[in-house]
N, C-alpha and C. Protein backbone atom coordinates (compact mmCIF):
# COMPACT_ATOMS: atom_id res chain seq x y z
N UNK A 1 8.04 -15.70 -8.56
CA UNK A 1 7.05 -15.96 -8.26
C UNK A 1 5.85 -15.68 -9.52
N UNK A 2 4.98 -16.22 -10.24
CA UNK A 2 4.43 -15.67 -11.16
C UNK A 2 2.94 -15.23 -10.64
N UNK A 3 1.81 -14.19 -10.56
CA UNK A 3 0.60 -14.08 -10.41
C UNK A 3 -0.03 -14.36 -11.31
N UNK A 4 -1.13 -15.45 -11.27
CA UNK A 4 -1.60 -15.74 -12.31
C UNK A 4 -3.28 -15.49 -11.79
N UNK A 5 -3.68 -15.62 -10.51
CA UNK A 5 -5.41 -15.26 -10.13
C UNK A 5 -4.94 -14.50 -9.45
N UNK A 6 -5.91 -13.25 -9.07
CA UNK A 6 -6.43 -12.18 -8.12
C UNK A 6 -6.10 -12.64 -6.90
N UNK A 7 -6.23 -14.07 -6.78
CA UNK A 7 -6.37 -14.71 -5.17
C UNK A 7 -4.98 -14.38 -4.32
N UNK A 8 -4.23 -15.13 -5.55
CA UNK A 8 -2.62 -14.89 -5.41
C UNK A 8 -2.14 -14.07 -4.56
N UNK A 9 -2.42 -12.98 -4.90
CA UNK A 9 -1.93 -11.84 -4.40
C UNK A 9 -2.58 -11.22 -2.92
N UNK A 10 -3.82 -12.05 -2.64
CA UNK A 10 -4.49 -11.63 -1.32
C UNK A 10 -3.88 -11.83 -0.42
N UNK A 11 -2.98 -11.33 0.45
CA UNK A 11 -1.69 -11.66 1.75
C UNK A 11 -0.79 -11.07 1.39
N UNK A 12 -0.49 -10.90 0.50
CA UNK A 12 1.04 -10.11 0.42
C UNK A 12 1.29 -9.11 0.74
N UNK A 13 2.70 -8.80 1.44
CA UNK A 13 3.08 -7.45 1.90
C UNK A 13 3.01 -6.08 0.71
N UNK A 14 2.98 -5.49 1.49
CA UNK A 14 2.39 -4.09 0.23
C UNK A 14 3.88 -3.13 1.53
N UNK A 15 4.70 -2.82 0.16
CA UNK A 15 5.92 -1.84 0.18
C UNK A 15 5.39 -1.13 -0.86
N UNK A 16 6.08 0.74 -0.91
CA UNK A 16 5.92 1.64 -1.43
C UNK A 16 7.57 1.33 -2.29
N UNK A 17 6.98 2.83 -3.21
CA UNK A 17 8.87 1.85 -3.95
C UNK A 17 9.78 2.55 -3.57
N UNK A 18 9.24 3.48 -2.26
CA UNK A 18 11.00 3.79 -1.66
C UNK A 18 11.49 2.44 -0.97
N UNK A 19 10.73 1.89 -0.26
CA UNK A 19 11.07 0.69 -0.05
C UNK A 19 10.67 0.73 1.95
N UNK A 20 9.30 1.27 2.02
CA UNK A 20 8.70 1.63 3.51
C UNK A 20 7.50 0.37 3.35
N UNK A 21 7.48 -0.08 4.11
CA UNK A 21 6.49 -1.44 4.54
C UNK A 21 5.04 0.01 4.57
N UNK A 22 3.89 -0.59 3.98
CA UNK A 22 3.08 0.12 4.19
C UNK A 22 1.31 -0.49 4.59
N UNK A 23 1.80 -2.39 4.08
CA UNK A 23 0.81 -2.88 4.92
C UNK A 23 0.41 -4.22 3.95
N UNK A 24 -1.02 -5.00 4.01
CA UNK A 24 -1.19 -6.34 3.52
C UNK A 24 -2.20 -6.00 2.62
N UNK A 25 -2.38 -7.03 1.31
CA UNK A 25 -3.46 -6.97 0.30
C UNK A 25 -4.23 -7.98 0.69
N UNK A 26 -5.55 -7.49 1.23
CA UNK A 26 -6.77 -7.86 1.94
C UNK A 26 -7.85 -7.95 0.77
N UNK A 27 -7.69 -7.12 -0.10
CA UNK A 27 -8.92 -7.72 -1.51
C UNK A 27 -8.71 -6.79 -3.19
N UNK A 28 -8.82 -6.71 -3.71
CA UNK A 28 -8.90 -6.41 -5.18
C UNK A 28 -10.51 -5.99 -5.45
N UNK A 29 -10.70 -4.52 -5.84
CA UNK A 29 -11.71 -4.41 -6.22
C UNK A 29 -12.12 -4.53 -7.64
N UNK A 30 -13.22 -5.08 -8.09
CA UNK A 30 -13.34 -5.55 -8.98
C UNK A 30 -14.39 -4.12 -10.40
N UNK A 31 -14.47 -3.88 -11.37
CA UNK A 31 -14.63 -3.42 -12.22
C UNK A 31 -14.83 -3.44 -13.37
N UNK A 32 -16.36 -4.03 -14.09
CA UNK A 32 -16.39 -4.95 -15.33
C UNK A 32 -15.17 -5.42 -15.45
N UNK A 33 -14.67 -6.96 -14.83
CA UNK A 33 -13.61 -7.77 -14.74
C UNK A 33 -12.43 -7.55 -14.71
N UNK A 34 -11.90 -5.94 -14.21
CA UNK A 34 -10.82 -5.32 -14.25
C UNK A 34 -10.44 -4.96 -13.02
N UNK A 35 -9.18 -5.30 -12.33
CA UNK A 35 -9.30 -4.63 -11.22
C UNK A 35 -9.30 -3.44 -11.15
N UNK A 36 -9.82 -2.52 -9.82
CA UNK A 36 -9.82 -1.36 -10.27
C UNK A 36 -9.16 -0.70 -9.27
N UNK A 37 -8.98 -1.42 -7.81
CA UNK A 37 -8.56 -0.93 -6.68
C UNK A 37 -7.96 -2.22 -6.00
N UNK A 38 -7.29 -1.54 -4.78
CA UNK A 38 -6.78 -3.07 -4.38
C UNK A 38 -7.25 -2.45 -2.67
N UNK A 39 -7.58 -2.88 -1.73
CA UNK A 39 -7.87 -3.00 -0.37
C UNK A 39 -6.98 -3.37 0.41
N UNK A 40 -6.18 -2.44 0.85
CA UNK A 40 -4.88 -2.75 1.67
C UNK A 40 -5.13 -2.60 3.46
N UNK A 41 -4.68 -3.21 4.68
CA UNK A 41 -4.69 -3.60 5.24
C UNK A 41 -3.96 -2.56 6.05
N UNK A 42 -3.45 -1.22 6.60
CA UNK A 42 -2.15 -0.83 6.69
C UNK A 42 -1.74 -1.61 8.08
N UNK A 43 -0.66 -1.42 8.00
CA UNK A 43 0.67 -1.63 9.10
C UNK A 43 1.56 -0.73 9.43
N UNK A 44 2.04 -0.53 10.50
CA UNK A 44 3.33 0.26 11.06
C UNK A 44 3.66 1.89 11.01
N UNK A 45 4.25 2.17 10.81
CA UNK A 45 4.06 3.97 10.77
C UNK A 45 3.16 4.38 9.74
N UNK A 46 2.95 3.68 8.72
CA UNK A 46 1.87 4.72 8.06
C UNK A 46 0.35 4.85 8.21
N UNK A 47 0.38 4.06 9.74
CA UNK A 47 -1.19 4.06 10.53
C UNK A 47 -1.51 6.12 10.71
N UNK A 48 -0.25 6.42 11.70
CA UNK A 48 -0.50 7.98 11.38
C UNK A 48 -0.72 8.63 10.17
N UNK A 49 0.27 8.73 9.54
CA UNK A 49 -0.52 9.49 7.90
C UNK A 49 -1.83 9.19 7.62
N UNK A 50 -2.54 8.67 7.68
CA UNK A 50 -4.15 8.18 6.93
C UNK A 50 -4.87 8.55 8.41
N UNK A 51 -4.40 9.24 9.27
CA UNK A 51 -5.67 9.35 11.02
C UNK A 51 -5.96 8.26 11.21
N UNK A 52 -4.78 7.12 11.13
CA UNK A 52 -5.75 5.74 12.06
C UNK A 52 -6.31 4.57 11.07
N UNK A 53 -6.63 4.84 10.21
CA UNK A 53 -7.57 4.35 9.50
C UNK A 53 -7.40 2.83 9.59
N UNK A 54 -8.00 1.58 9.33
CA UNK A 54 -7.54 0.38 9.83
C UNK A 54 -6.54 -0.02 8.04
N UNK A 55 -7.76 0.65 6.94
CA UNK A 55 -7.60 0.10 5.59
C UNK A 55 -7.75 1.05 4.37
N UNK A 56 -6.78 1.11 3.27
CA UNK A 56 -6.73 2.49 2.47
C UNK A 56 -7.22 0.94 0.76
N UNK A 57 -7.83 1.85 0.13
CA UNK A 57 -7.80 1.56 -1.43
C UNK A 57 -7.26 1.91 -1.95
N UNK A 58 -6.31 1.25 -2.47
CA UNK A 58 -5.17 2.20 -3.60
C UNK A 58 -5.89 2.10 -4.94
N UNK A 59 -5.90 2.99 -5.98
CA UNK A 59 -5.97 2.65 -7.26
C UNK A 59 -5.54 1.69 -8.13
N UNK A 60 -5.64 1.10 -8.95
CA UNK A 60 -4.89 -0.24 -9.60
C UNK A 60 -3.13 0.84 -10.02
N UNK A 61 -3.82 1.90 -10.65
CA UNK A 61 -2.96 2.72 -11.48
C UNK A 61 -1.55 2.92 -10.74
N UNK A 62 -1.86 2.93 -8.95
CA UNK A 62 -0.22 3.46 -8.11
C UNK A 62 0.25 1.68 -8.03
N UNK A 63 -0.17 0.70 -8.18
CA UNK A 63 0.58 -0.67 -8.36
C UNK A 63 1.90 -1.21 -9.39
N UNK A 64 3.19 -0.32 -8.72
CA UNK A 64 4.29 -0.89 -9.35
C UNK A 64 4.57 -2.12 -9.93
N UNK A 65 4.26 -2.85 -8.89
CA UNK A 65 4.81 -4.47 -9.20
C UNK A 65 4.30 -5.32 -8.06
N UNK A 66 3.67 -6.60 -8.89
CA UNK A 66 2.99 -7.73 -7.85
C UNK A 66 3.98 -9.08 -8.50
N UNK A 67 4.70 -9.30 -7.19
CA UNK A 67 5.45 -10.91 -7.59
C UNK A 67 5.31 -11.48 -5.61
N UNK A 68 6.27 -11.58 -5.22
CA UNK A 68 6.38 -11.91 -3.77
C UNK A 68 5.81 -11.10 -2.74
N UNK A 69 6.11 -9.78 -3.37
CA UNK A 69 5.54 -8.39 -2.74
C UNK A 69 4.74 -7.78 -3.65
N UNK A 70 4.46 -6.90 -3.10
CA UNK A 70 3.52 -5.82 -3.97
C UNK A 70 3.61 -4.22 -3.66
N UNK A 71 4.02 -3.38 -4.54
CA UNK A 71 4.92 -2.39 -4.41
C UNK A 71 4.09 -1.41 -5.21
N UNK A 72 3.45 -0.03 -4.37
CA UNK A 72 2.81 0.86 -4.68
C UNK A 72 3.54 2.61 -4.67
N UNK A 73 3.19 3.05 -6.02
CA UNK A 73 3.86 3.95 -5.92
C UNK A 73 3.66 5.48 -4.30
N UNK A 74 4.51 5.91 -4.07
CA UNK A 74 4.83 6.90 -3.23
C UNK A 74 3.47 7.73 -3.25
N UNK A 75 3.53 7.94 -4.34
CA UNK A 75 2.67 9.49 -4.91
C UNK A 75 1.52 8.93 -4.40
N UNK A 76 0.95 7.94 -4.58
CA UNK A 76 -0.59 7.08 -3.65
C UNK A 76 -0.60 7.76 -2.31
N UNK A 77 0.33 8.17 -1.24
CA UNK A 77 -0.03 8.72 -0.14
C UNK A 77 -0.31 9.75 -0.11
N UNK A 78 -0.88 10.34 1.17
CA UNK A 78 -1.24 11.65 1.34
C UNK A 78 0.09 12.76 1.49
N UNK A 79 0.77 12.12 1.98
CA UNK A 79 2.22 13.17 2.11
C UNK A 79 3.41 12.42 1.85
N UNK A 80 3.11 12.62 0.59
CA UNK A 80 4.39 11.23 0.45
C UNK A 80 5.84 11.81 0.14
N UNK A 81 6.44 13.50 0.52
CA UNK A 81 7.13 13.72 1.33
C UNK A 81 8.02 13.10 2.18
N UNK A 82 7.79 12.44 2.89
CA UNK A 82 7.84 12.44 4.78
C UNK A 82 8.02 10.54 4.30
N UNK A 83 9.13 10.77 5.07
CA UNK A 83 9.93 9.22 5.10
C UNK A 83 9.41 8.77 6.31
N UNK A 84 8.77 7.44 6.47
CA UNK A 84 8.60 6.80 7.30
C UNK A 84 9.00 6.12 8.61
N UNK A 85 10.17 5.50 8.20
CA UNK A 85 11.56 5.56 8.65
C UNK A 85 11.57 6.35 10.06
N UNK A 86 11.93 7.90 9.43
CA UNK A 86 12.32 9.13 10.02
C UNK A 86 11.34 9.64 11.05
N UNK A 87 11.28 9.70 12.22
CA UNK A 87 10.10 11.15 12.60
C UNK A 87 10.33 11.88 12.45
N UNK A 88 9.16 13.03 11.99
CA UNK A 88 9.56 14.44 11.68
C UNK A 88 9.82 15.22 13.24
N UNK A 89 10.55 16.00 12.56
CA UNK A 89 10.29 17.53 13.85
C UNK A 89 9.77 17.76 14.79
N UNK A 90 8.26 18.00 13.95
CA UNK A 90 6.97 18.61 14.57
C UNK A 90 6.95 17.11 15.84
N UNK A 91 6.93 15.99 16.05
CA UNK A 91 7.05 14.60 16.55
C UNK A 91 8.08 14.37 17.70
N UNK A 92 9.35 15.23 17.66
CA UNK A 92 10.03 15.34 18.37
C UNK A 92 10.19 16.44 19.05
N UNK A 93 9.34 17.54 19.15
CA UNK A 93 9.38 18.36 20.49
C UNK A 93 7.70 18.15 20.97
């Protein structure tokens, strides 16, 4: 799939470059006719990382690829060392 319009990216599932599910693209933020950032509705385990917010804006520089899915850099996240799939030791106690 080739993205030809920004609207083609709306609704795509978003994953980190480590393969963790992050959410879904809601809209693009434009500045001077260029994409400046992407509004993403978060889902799954990432919600706890961002304090329960329903969405975040990821700057375009952290987008790694857009095709059938949307891939962002793990570095864009607040605690990039934590793996979403594994519970931390603090949560187990």
